[in-house]
PDB file of N, CA and C in Angstrom:
ATOM      1  N   ARG A   1     -58.612 -68.680  -9.222  1.00  0.00           N
ATOM      2  CA  ARG A   1     -57.519 -69.123  -8.329  1.00  0.00           C
ATOM      3  C   ARG A   1     -56.277 -68.367  -8.644  1.00  0.00           C
ATOM      4  N   GLY A   2     -55.684 -67.951  -7.470  1.00  0.00           N
ATOM      5  CA  GLY A   2     -54.463 -67.280  -7.602  1.00  0.00           C
ATOM      6  C   GLY A   2     -53.199 -68.154  -7.660  1.00  0.00           C
ATOM      7  N   LEU A   3     -52.096 -67.618  -8.024  1.00  0.00           N
ATOM      8  CA  LEU A   3     -50.908 -68.429  -8.174  1.00  0.00           C
ATOM      9  C   LEU A   3     -50.069 -68.093  -6.924  1.00  0.00           C
ATOM     10  N   SER A   4     -49.703 -69.122  -6.217  1.00  0.00           N
ATOM     11  CA  SER A   4     -48.843 -69.019  -5.037  1.00  0.00           C
ATOM     12  C   SER A   4     -47.441 -69.214  -5.453  1.00  0.00           C
ATOM     13  N   THR A   5     -46.497 -68.377  -4.875  1.00  0.00           N
ATOM     14  CA  THR A   5     -45.090 -68.382  -5.293  1.00  0.00           C
ATOM     15  C   THR A   5     -44.179 -68.537  -4.199  1.00  0.00           C
ATOM     16  N   LEU A   6     -43.154 -69.425  -4.312  1.00  0.00           N
ATOM     17  CA  LEU A   6     -42.126 -69.596  -3.328  1.00  0.00           C
ATOM     18  C   LEU A   6     -40.915 -68.813  -3.881  1.00  0.00           C
ATOM     19  N   SER A   7     -40.562 -67.711  -3.434  1.00  0.00           N
ATOM     20  CA  SER A   7     -39.578 -66.820  -4.129  1.00  0.00           C
ATOM     21  C   SER A   7     -38.164 -67.443  -3.995  1.00  0.00           C
ATOM     22  N   SER A   8     -37.291 -66.899  -4.778  1.00  0.00           N
ATOM     23  CA  SER A   8     -35.991 -67.487  -4.985  1.00  0.00           C
ATOM     24  C   SER A   8     -35.097 -67.471  -3.666  1.00  0.00           C
ATOM     25  N   ASP A   9     -35.333 -66.579  -2.753  1.00  0.00           N
ATOM     26  CA  ASP A   9     -34.606 -66.499  -1.565  1.00  0.00           C
ATOM     27  C   ASP A   9     -35.162 -67.364  -0.373  1.00  0.00           C
ATOM     28  N   LEU A  10     -36.137 -68.239  -0.732  1.00  0.00           N
ATOM     29  CA  LEU A  10     -36.698 -69.055   0.311  1.00  0.00           C
ATOM     30  C   LEU A  10     -36.414 -70.517   0.140  1.00  0.00           C
ATOM     31  N   GLN A  11     -36.278 -71.299   1.231  1.00  0.00           N
ATOM     32  CA  GLN A  11     -36.151 -72.731   1.214  1.00  0.00           C
ATOM     33  C   GLN A  11     -37.160 -73.332   2.052  1.00  0.00           C
ATOM     34  N   PHE A  12     -37.792 -74.388   1.656  1.00  0.00           N
ATOM     35  CA  PHE A  12     -38.836 -75.057   2.386  1.00  0.00           C
ATOM     36  C   PHE A  12     -38.562 -76.510   2.529  1.00  0.00           C
ATOM     37  N   GLU A  13     -38.753 -77.041   3.782  1.00  0.00           N
ATOM     38  CA  GLU A  13     -38.556 -78.452   4.033  1.00  0.00           C
ATOM     39  C   GLU A  13     -39.860 -78.976   4.472  1.00  0.00           C
ATOM     40  N   GLY A  14     -40.386 -79.947   3.716  1.00  0.00           N
ATOM     41  CA  GLY A  14     -41.606 -80.663   4.094  1.00  0.00           C
ATOM     42  C   GLY A  14     -42.448 -80.812   2.756  1.00  0.00           C
ATOM     43  N   ASN A  15     -43.624 -81.586   2.992  1.00  0.00           N
ATOM     44  CA  ASN A  15     -44.435 -81.776   1.807  1.00  0.00           C
ATOM     45  C   ASN A  15     -45.391 -80.658   1.573  1.00  0.00           C
ATOM     46  N   VAL A  16     -45.727 -80.376   0.317  1.00  0.00           N
ATOM     47  CA  VAL A  16     -46.571 -79.324  -0.067  1.00  0.00           C
ATOM     48  C   VAL A  16     -47.730 -79.987  -0.864  1.00  0.00           C
ATOM     49  N   SER A  17     -48.972 -79.736  -0.574  1.00  0.00           N
ATOM     50  CA  SER A  17     -50.158 -80.300  -1.229  1.00  0.00           C
ATOM     51  C   SER A  17     -51.303 -79.415  -1.341  1.00  0.00           C
ATOM     52  N   GLY A  18     -52.092 -79.474  -2.346  1.00  0.00           N
ATOM     53  CA  GLY A  18     -53.238 -78.715  -2.443  1.00  0.00           C
ATOM     54  C   GLY A  18     -53.700 -78.711  -3.958  1.00  0.00           C
ATOM     55  N   ALA A  19     -54.890 -78.163  -4.213  1.00  0.00           N
ATOM     56  CA  ALA A  19     -55.460 -78.158  -5.582  1.00  0.00           C
ATOM     57  C   ALA A  19     -55.061 -76.922  -6.319  1.00  0.00           C
ATOM     58  N   GLY A  20     -54.429 -76.001  -5.755  1.00  0.00           N
ATOM     59  CA  GLY A  20     -54.116 -74.685  -6.385  1.00  0.00           C
ATOM     60  C   GLY A  20     -52.897 -74.738  -7.292  1.00  0.00           C
ATOM     61  N   ASP A  21     -52.540 -73.555  -7.717  1.00  0.00           N
ATOM     62  CA  ASP A  21     -51.329 -73.360  -8.610  1.00  0.00           C
ATOM     63  C   ASP A  21     -50.115 -72.912  -7.810  1.00  0.00           C
ATOM     64  N   LEU A  22     -48.985 -73.424  -8.214  1.00  0.00           N
ATOM     65  CA  LEU A  22     -47.687 -72.993  -7.401  1.00  0.00           C
ATOM     66  C   LEU A  22     -46.615 -72.786  -8.419  1.00  0.00           C
ATOM     67  N   GLN A  23     -45.883 -71.673  -8.115  1.00  0.00           N
ATOM     68  CA  GLN A  23     -44.579 -71.506  -8.843  1.00  0.00           C
ATOM     69  C   GLN A  23     -43.447 -71.506  -7.787  1.00  0.00           C
ATOM     70  N   VAL A  24     -42.549 -72.275  -8.112  1.00  0.00           N
ATOM     71  CA  VAL A  24     -41.301 -72.551  -7.199  1.00  0.00           C
ATOM     72  C   VAL A  24     -40.072 -71.835  -7.825  1.00  0.00           C
ATOM     73  N   ASP A  25     -39.641 -70.740  -7.155  1.00  0.00           N
ATOM     74  CA  ASP A  25     -38.371 -70.203  -7.626  1.00  0.00           C
ATOM     75  C   ASP A  25     -37.348 -70.410  -6.568  1.00  0.00           C
ATOM     76  N   GLY A  26     -37.742 -70.861  -5.443  1.00  0.00           N
ATOM     77  CA  GLY A  26     -36.797 -71.199  -4.397  1.00  0.00           C
ATOM     78  C   GLY A  26     -36.526 -72.686  -4.324  1.00  0.00           C
ATOM     79  N   ALA A  27     -36.297 -73.257  -3.105  1.00  0.00           N
ATOM     80  CA  ALA A  27     -35.984 -74.620  -3.021  1.00  0.00           C
ATOM     81  C   ALA A  27     -36.966 -75.390  -2.013  1.00  0.00           C
ATOM     82  N   ILE A  28     -37.371 -76.550  -2.476  1.00  0.00           N
ATOM     83  CA  ILE A  28     -38.264 -77.399  -1.647  1.00  0.00           C
ATOM     84  C   ILE A  28     -37.585 -78.743  -1.525  1.00  0.00           C
ATOM     85  N   LYS A  29     -37.470 -79.220  -0.304  1.00  0.00           N
ATOM     86  CA  LYS A  29     -37.029 -80.577   0.083  1.00  0.00           C
ATOM     87  C   LYS A  29     -38.305 -81.281   0.561  1.00  0.00           C
ATOM     88  N   GLY A  30     -38.874 -82.116  -0.313  1.00  0.00           N
ATOM     89  CA  GLY A  30     -40.109 -82.833   0.094  1.00  0.00           C
ATOM     90  C   GLY A  30     -40.955 -83.004  -1.103  1.00  0.00           C
ATOM     91  N   ASP A  31     -42.010 -83.803  -0.910  1.00  0.00           N
ATOM     92  CA  ASP A  31     -42.951 -84.075  -2.015  1.00  0.00           C
ATOM     93  C   ASP A  31     -43.902 -82.940  -2.330  1.00  0.00           C
ATOM     94  N   VAL A  32     -44.231 -82.733  -3.565  1.00  0.00           N
ATOM     95  CA  VAL A  32     -45.060 -81.731  -3.953  1.00  0.00           C
ATOM     96  C   VAL A  32     -46.301 -82.286  -4.823  1.00  0.00           C
ATOM     97  N   ARG A  33     -47.514 -81.966  -4.400  1.00  0.00           N
ATOM     98  CA  ARG A  33     -48.725 -82.480  -5.088  1.00  0.00           C
ATOM     99  C   ARG A  33     -49.646 -81.294  -5.147  1.00  0.00           C
ATOM    100  N   VAL A  34     -49.769 -80.689  -6.390  1.00  0.00           N
ATOM    101  CA  VAL A  34     -50.635 -79.652  -6.600  1.00  0.00           C
ATOM    102  C   VAL A  34     -51.282 -79.669  -8.010  1.00  0.00           C
ATOM    103  N   GLY A  35     -52.295 -78.791  -8.198  1.00  0.00           N
ATOM    104  CA  GLY A  35     -52.983 -78.861  -9.531  1.00  0.00           C
ATOM    105  C   GLY A  35     -52.089 -78.441 -10.640  1.00  0.00           C
ATOM    106  N   ARG A  36     -51.423 -77.297 -10.581  1.00  0.00           N
ATOM    107  CA  ARG A  36     -50.583 -76.756 -11.536  1.00  0.00           C
ATOM    108  C   ARG A  36     -49.267 -76.324 -10.956  1.00  0.00           C
ATOM    109  N   LEU A  37     -48.140 -76.773 -11.558  1.00  0.00           N
ATOM    110  CA  LEU A  37     -46.825 -76.401 -10.971  1.00  0.00           C
ATOM    111  C   LEU A  37     -45.892 -75.811 -12.003  1.00  0.00           C
ATOM    112  N   ILE A  38     -45.242 -74.784 -11.674  1.00  0.00           N
ATOM    113  CA  ILE A  38     -44.191 -74.191 -12.493  1.00  0.00           C
ATOM    114  C   ILE A  38     -42.978 -74.098 -11.694  1.00  0.00           C
ATOM    115  N   VAL A  39     -41.876 -74.862 -12.076  1.00  0.00           N
ATOM    116  CA  VAL A  39     -40.536 -74.766 -11.451  1.00  0.00           C
ATOM    117  C   VAL A  39     -39.793 -73.699 -12.211  1.00  0.00           C
ATOM    118  N   GLY A  40     -39.492 -72.612 -11.695  1.00  0.00           N
ATOM    119  CA  GLY A  40     -38.745 -71.482 -12.283  1.00  0.00           C
ATOM    120  C   GLY A  40     -37.259 -71.856 -12.571  1.00  0.00           C
ATOM    121  N   GLU A  41     -36.594 -71.025 -13.278  1.00  0.00           N
ATOM    122  CA  GLU A  41     -35.191 -71.274 -13.612  1.00  0.00           C
ATOM    123  C   GLU A  41     -34.329 -71.384 -12.366  1.00  0.00           C
ATOM    124  N   THR A  42     -34.687 -70.595 -11.288  1.00  0.00           N
ATOM    125  CA  THR A  42     -33.912 -70.727 -10.088  1.00  0.00           C
ATOM    126  C   THR A  42     -34.574 -71.736  -9.101  1.00  0.00           C
ATOM    127  N   GLY A  43     -35.616 -72.378  -9.488  1.00  0.00           N
ATOM    128  CA  GLY A  43     -36.331 -73.327  -8.563  1.00  0.00           C
ATOM    129  C   GLY A  43     -35.686 -74.680  -8.566  1.00  0.00           C
ATOM    130  N   ALA A  44     -35.801 -75.333  -7.346  1.00  0.00           N
ATOM    131  CA  ALA A  44     -35.263 -76.660  -7.253  1.00  0.00           C
ATOM    132  C   ALA A  44     -36.207 -77.448  -6.302  1.00  0.00           C
ATOM    133  N   ILE A  45     -36.534 -78.677  -6.676  1.00  0.00           N
ATOM    134  CA  ILE A  45     -37.332 -79.565  -5.875  1.00  0.00           C
ATOM    135  C   ILE A  45     -36.598 -80.883  -5.760  1.00  0.00           C
ATOM    136  N   GLU A  46     -36.449 -81.280  -4.447  1.00  0.00           N
ATOM    137  CA  GLU A  46     -35.839 -82.583  -4.163  1.00  0.00           C
ATOM    138  C   GLU A  46     -36.943 -83.434  -3.559  1.00  0.00           C
ATOM    139  N   GLY A  47     -37.582 -84.216  -4.343  1.00  0.00           N
ATOM    140  CA  GLY A  47     -38.694 -85.012  -3.864  1.00  0.00           C
ATOM    141  C   GLY A  47     -39.595 -85.395  -5.019  1.00  0.00           C
ATOM    142  N   ASN A  48     -40.595 -86.153  -4.755  1.00  0.00           N
ATOM    143  CA  ASN A  48     -41.603 -86.590  -5.783  1.00  0.00           C
ATOM    144  C   ASN A  48     -42.564 -85.387  -6.122  1.00  0.00           C
ATOM    145  N   VAL A  49     -42.838 -85.332  -7.396  1.00  0.00           N
ATOM    146  CA  VAL A  49     -43.729 -84.224  -7.853  1.00  0.00           C
ATOM    147  C   VAL A  49     -44.948 -84.852  -8.593  1.00  0.00           C
ATOM    148  N   THR A  50     -46.176 -84.367  -8.260  1.00  0.00           N
ATOM    149  CA  THR A  50     -47.384 -84.758  -8.890  1.00  0.00           C
ATOM    150  C   THR A  50     -48.249 -83.448  -9.167  1.00  0.00           C
ATOM    151  N   ALA A  51     -48.644 -83.342 -10.494  1.00  0.00           N
ATOM    152  CA  ALA A  51     -49.404 -82.170 -10.912  1.00  0.00           C
ATOM    153  C   ALA A  51     -50.218 -82.470 -12.052  1.00  0.00           C
ATOM    154  N   ASP A  52     -51.317 -81.861 -12.237  1.00  0.00           N
ATOM    155  CA  ASP A  52     -52.049 -82.069 -13.518  1.00  0.00           C
ATOM    156  C   ASP A  52     -51.210 -81.464 -14.657  1.00  0.00           C
ATOM    157  N   TYR A  53     -50.740 -80.251 -14.445  1.00  0.00           N
ATOM    158  CA  TYR A  53     -49.876 -79.599 -15.364  1.00  0.00           C
ATOM    159  C   TYR A  53     -48.548 -79.201 -14.720  1.00  0.00           C
ATOM    160  N   LEU A  54     -47.374 -79.595 -15.296  1.00  0.00           N
ATOM    161  CA  LEU A  54     -46.103 -79.328 -14.762  1.00  0.00           C
ATOM    162  C   LEU A  54     -45.259 -78.729 -15.784  1.00  0.00           C
ATOM    163  N   GLU A  55     -44.604 -77.684 -15.528  1.00  0.00           N
ATOM    164  CA  GLU A  55     -43.621 -77.007 -16.400  1.00  0.00           C
ATOM    165  C   GLU A  55     -42.444 -76.875 -15.681  1.00  0.00           C
ATOM    166  N   VAL A  56     -41.238 -77.379 -16.138  1.00  0.00           N
ATOM    167  CA  VAL A  56     -39.987 -77.382 -15.437  1.00  0.00           C
ATOM    168  C   VAL A  56     -39.047 -76.502 -16.219  1.00  0.00           C
ATOM    169  N   ARG A  57     -38.583 -75.485 -15.535  1.00  0.00           N
ATOM    170  CA  ARG A  57     -37.499 -74.555 -16.081  1.00  0.00           C
ATOM    171  C   ARG A  57     -36.207 -74.731 -15.277  1.00  0.00           C
ATOM    172  N   GLY A  58     -36.332 -75.203 -14.036  1.00  0.00           N
ATOM    173  CA  GLY A  58     -35.250 -75.327 -13.135  1.00  0.00           C
ATOM    174  C   GLY A  58     -34.874 -76.761 -12.911  1.00  0.00           C
ATOM    175  N   ARG A  59     -34.721 -77.209 -11.629  1.00  0.00           N
ATOM    176  CA  ARG A  59     -34.244 -78.530 -11.253  1.00  0.00           C
ATOM    177  C   ARG A  59     -35.208 -79.402 -10.451  1.00  0.00           C
ATOM    178  N   VAL A  60     -35.422 -80.566 -10.877  1.00  0.00           N
ATOM    179  CA  VAL A  60     -36.174 -81.538 -10.047  1.00  0.00           C
ATOM    180  C   VAL A  60     -35.441 -82.787  -9.975  1.00  0.00           C
ATOM    181  N   VAL A  61     -35.260 -83.302  -8.721  1.00  0.00           N
ATOM    182  CA  VAL A  61     -34.576 -84.593  -8.519  1.00  0.00           C
ATOM    183  C   VAL A  61     -35.681 -85.469  -7.721  1.00  0.00           C
ATOM    184  N   GLY A  62     -36.213 -86.358  -8.539  1.00  0.00           N
ATOM    185  CA  GLY A  62     -37.288 -87.292  -7.920  1.00  0.00           C
ATOM    186  C   GLY A  62     -38.228 -87.674  -8.970  1.00  0.00           C
ATOM    187  N   ALA A  63     -39.194 -88.463  -8.695  1.00  0.00           N
ATOM    188  CA  ALA A  63     -40.175 -88.936  -9.670  1.00  0.00           C
ATOM    189  C   ALA A  63     -41.151 -87.839  -9.950  1.00  0.00           C
ATOM    190  N   VAL A  64     -41.569 -87.805 -11.333  1.00  0.00           N
ATOM    191  CA  VAL A  64     -42.504 -86.789 -11.750  1.00  0.00           C
ATOM    192  C   VAL A  64     -43.687 -87.482 -12.350  1.00  0.00           C
ATOM    193  N   ALA A  65     -44.865 -87.003 -12.007  1.00  0.00           N
ATOM    194  CA  ALA A  65     -46.172 -87.557 -12.555  1.00  0.00           C
ATOM    195  C   ALA A  65     -47.110 -86.513 -12.830  1.00  0.00           C
ATOM    196  N   GLY A  66     -47.669 -86.511 -14.045  1.00  0.00           N
ATOM    197  CA  GLY A  66     -48.664 -85.482 -14.339  1.00  0.00           C
ATOM    198  C   GLY A  66     -49.418 -85.783 -15.676  1.00  0.00           C
ATOM    199  N   LYS A  67     -50.504 -85.052 -15.897  1.00  0.00           N
ATOM    200  CA  LYS A  67     -51.171 -85.219 -17.203  1.00  0.00           C
ATOM    201  C   LYS A  67     -50.354 -84.591 -18.322  1.00  0.00           C
ATOM    202  N   GLN A  68     -49.934 -83.370 -18.085  1.00  0.00           N
ATOM    203  CA  GLN A  68     -49.121 -82.613 -19.057  1.00  0.00           C
ATOM    204  C   GLN A  68     -47.815 -82.295 -18.434  1.00  0.00           C
ATOM    205  N   VAL A  69     -46.723 -82.706 -19.005  1.00  0.00           N
ATOM    206  CA  VAL A  69     -45.356 -82.337 -18.434  1.00  0.00           C
ATOM    207  C   VAL A  69     -44.516 -81.767 -19.480  1.00  0.00           C
ATOM    208  N   LYS A  70     -44.000 -80.544 -19.178  1.00  0.00           N
ATOM    209  CA  LYS A  70     -43.136 -79.846 -20.237  1.00  0.00           C
ATOM    210  C   LYS A  70     -41.826 -79.499 -19.566  1.00  0.00           C
ATOM    211  N   LEU A  71     -40.773 -79.927 -20.272  1.00  0.00           N
ATOM    212  CA  LEU A  71     -39.366 -79.666 -19.841  1.00  0.00           C
ATOM    213  C   LEU A  71     -38.850 -78.607 -20.800  1.00  0.00           C
ATOM    214  N   VAL A  72     -38.642 -77.390 -20.281  1.00  0.00           N
ATOM    215  CA  VAL A  72     -38.141 -76.247 -21.067  1.00  0.00           C
ATOM    216  C   VAL A  72     -36.540 -76.486 -21.243  1.00  0.00           C
ATOM    217  N   SER A  73     -35.913 -75.773 -22.119  1.00  0.00           N
ATOM    218  CA  SER A  73     -34.583 -75.961 -22.486  1.00  0.00           C
ATOM    219  C   SER A  73     -33.680 -75.819 -21.238  1.00  0.00           C
ATOM    220  N   THR A  74     -34.018 -75.079 -20.210  1.00  0.00           N
ATOM    221  CA  THR A  74     -33.217 -74.872 -19.010  1.00  0.00           C
ATOM    222  C   THR A  74     -33.467 -76.008 -17.903  1.00  0.00           C
ATOM    223  N   ALA A  75     -34.311 -76.929 -18.218  1.00  0.00           N
ATOM    224  CA  ALA A  75     -34.736 -77.929 -17.222  1.00  0.00           C
ATOM    225  C   ALA A  75     -33.600 -78.988 -16.897  1.00  0.00           C
ATOM    226  N   TYR A  76     -33.674 -79.384 -15.631  1.00  0.00           N
ATOM    227  CA  TYR A  76     -32.822 -80.528 -15.260  1.00  0.00           C
ATOM    228  C   TYR A  76     -33.720 -81.438 -14.395  1.00  0.00           C
ATOM    229  N   VAL A  77     -33.870 -82.648 -14.934  1.00  0.00           N
ATOM    230  CA  VAL A  77     -34.822 -83.626 -14.244  1.00  0.00           C
ATOM    231  C   VAL A  77     -33.996 -84.967 -14.089  1.00  0.00           C
ATOM    232  N   ASP A  78     -33.872 -85.291 -12.850  1.00  0.00           N
ATOM    233  CA  ASP A  78     -33.209 -86.654 -12.535  1.00  0.00           C
ATOM    234  C   ASP A  78     -34.269 -87.505 -11.823  1.00  0.00           C
ATOM    235  N   GLY A  79     -34.964 -88.313 -12.602  1.00  0.00           N
ATOM    236  CA  GLY A  79     -35.978 -89.136 -12.037  1.00  0.00           C
ATOM    237  C   GLY A  79     -36.959 -89.627 -13.088  1.00  0.00           C
ATOM    238  N   ASP A  80     -37.836 -90.610 -12.761  1.00  0.00           N
ATOM    239  CA  ASP A  80     -38.728 -91.133 -13.730  1.00  0.00           C
ATOM    240  C   ASP A  80     -39.886 -90.164 -14.015  1.00  0.00           C
ATOM    241  N   ILE A  81     -40.374 -90.142 -15.269  1.00  0.00           N
ATOM    242  CA  ILE A  81     -41.397 -89.264 -15.568  1.00  0.00           C
ATOM    243  C   ILE A  81     -42.641 -90.139 -15.996  1.00  0.00           C
ATOM    244  N   THR A  82     -43.777 -89.882 -15.444  1.00  0.00           N
ATOM    245  CA  THR A  82     -45.005 -90.580 -15.997  1.00  0.00           C
ATOM    246  C   THR A  82     -45.933 -89.498 -16.363  1.00  0.00           C
ATOM    247  N   ALA A  83     -46.346 -89.555 -17.679  1.00  0.00           N
ATOM    248  CA  ALA A  83     -47.200 -88.429 -18.174  1.00  0.00           C
ATOM    249  C   ALA A  83     -48.061 -88.862 -19.281  1.00  0.00           C
ATOM    250  N   GLU A  84     -49.219 -88.252 -19.407  1.00  0.00           N
ATOM    251  CA  GLU A  84     -50.020 -88.560 -20.553  1.00  0.00           C
ATOM    252  C   GLU A  84     -49.499 -87.790 -21.764  1.00  0.00           C
ATOM    253  N   GLN A  85     -49.000 -86.509 -21.679  1.00  0.00           N
ATOM    254  CA  GLN A  85     -48.460 -85.789 -22.654  1.00  0.00           C
ATOM    255  C   GLN A  85     -47.076 -85.276 -22.128  1.00  0.00           C
ATOM    256  N   LEU A  86     -46.014 -85.548 -22.828  1.00  0.00           N
ATOM    257  CA  LEU A  86     -44.653 -85.132 -22.415  1.00  0.00           C
ATOM    258  C   LEU A  86     -44.057 -84.224 -23.578  1.00  0.00           C
ATOM    259  N   SER A  87     -43.506 -83.109 -23.229  1.00  0.00           N
ATOM    260  CA  SER A  87     -42.737 -82.277 -24.142  1.00  0.00           C
ATOM    261  C   SER A  87     -41.368 -82.013 -23.591  1.00  0.00           C
ATOM    262  N   ILE A  88     -40.329 -82.224 -24.388  1.00  0.00           N
ATOM    263  CA  ILE A  88     -38.943 -81.937 -23.929  1.00  0.00           C
ATOM    264  C   ILE A  88     -38.308 -81.076 -24.988  1.00  0.00           C
ATOM    265  N   ASP A  89     -37.951 -79.869 -24.587  1.00  0.00           N
ATOM    266  CA  ASP A  89     -37.325 -78.903 -25.435  1.00  0.00           C
ATOM    267  C   ASP A  89     -35.784 -79.302 -25.625  1.00  0.00           C
ATOM    268  N   ILE A  90     -35.249 -78.919 -26.685  1.00  0.00           N
ATOM    269  CA  ILE A  90     -33.843 -79.140 -27.012  1.00  0.00           C
ATOM    270  C   ILE A  90     -33.037 -78.293 -25.911  1.00  0.00           C
ATOM    271  N   GLY A  91     -32.028 -79.021 -25.384  1.00  0.00           N
ATOM    272  CA  GLY A  91     -31.199 -78.491 -24.312  1.00  0.00           C
ATOM    273  C   GLY A  91     -31.619 -78.832 -22.917  1.00  0.00           C
ATOM    274  N   ALA A  92     -32.829 -79.437 -22.760  1.00  0.00           N
ATOM    275  CA  ALA A  92     -33.313 -79.935 -21.386  1.00  0.00           C
ATOM    276  C   ALA A  92     -32.450 -81.213 -21.066  1.00  0.00           C
ATOM    277  N   TYR A  93     -32.217 -81.293 -19.783  1.00  0.00           N
ATOM    278  CA  TYR A  93     -31.571 -82.510 -19.266  1.00  0.00           C
ATOM    279  C   TYR A  93     -32.555 -83.416 -18.613  1.00  0.00           C
ATOM    280  N   PHE A  94     -32.615 -84.638 -19.007  1.00  0.00           N
ATOM    281  CA  PHE A  94     -33.453 -85.592 -18.382  1.00  0.00           C
ATOM    282  C   PHE A  94     -32.752 -86.979 -18.268  1.00  0.00           C
ATOM    283  N   GLN A  95     -32.783 -87.534 -17.044  1.00  0.00           N
ATOM    284  CA  GLN A  95     -32.264 -88.826 -16.794  1.00  0.00           C
ATOM    285  C   GLN A  95     -33.261 -89.588 -15.800  1.00  0.00           C
ATOM    286  N   GLY A  96     -33.787 -90.690 -16.353  1.00  0.00           N
ATOM    287  CA  GLY A  96     -34.723 -91.392 -15.490  1.00  0.00           C
ATOM    288  C   GLY A  96     -34.954 -92.851 -16.093  1.00  0.00           C
TER     289      GLY A  96
END
């Protein structure tokens, strides 16, 4: 499987779903449901996020659900997190 990327100069409105891998460096307004998701440092999602594996380096405003959720030191998450495994690096912001 290849990695799909929403580059930093793109904004997307609407829901995104599929079984594949997605890297978000731009902005999404809507719910995201994918197999593996990486929110880059310039990435922003405003909506609910569901993924088997989720790594947040940028900004997520909405509920997060996944098997493995990792918040890197540059992460900003405002919403509830439901995860089997949760990792939060020092410096990450989380309110939920």
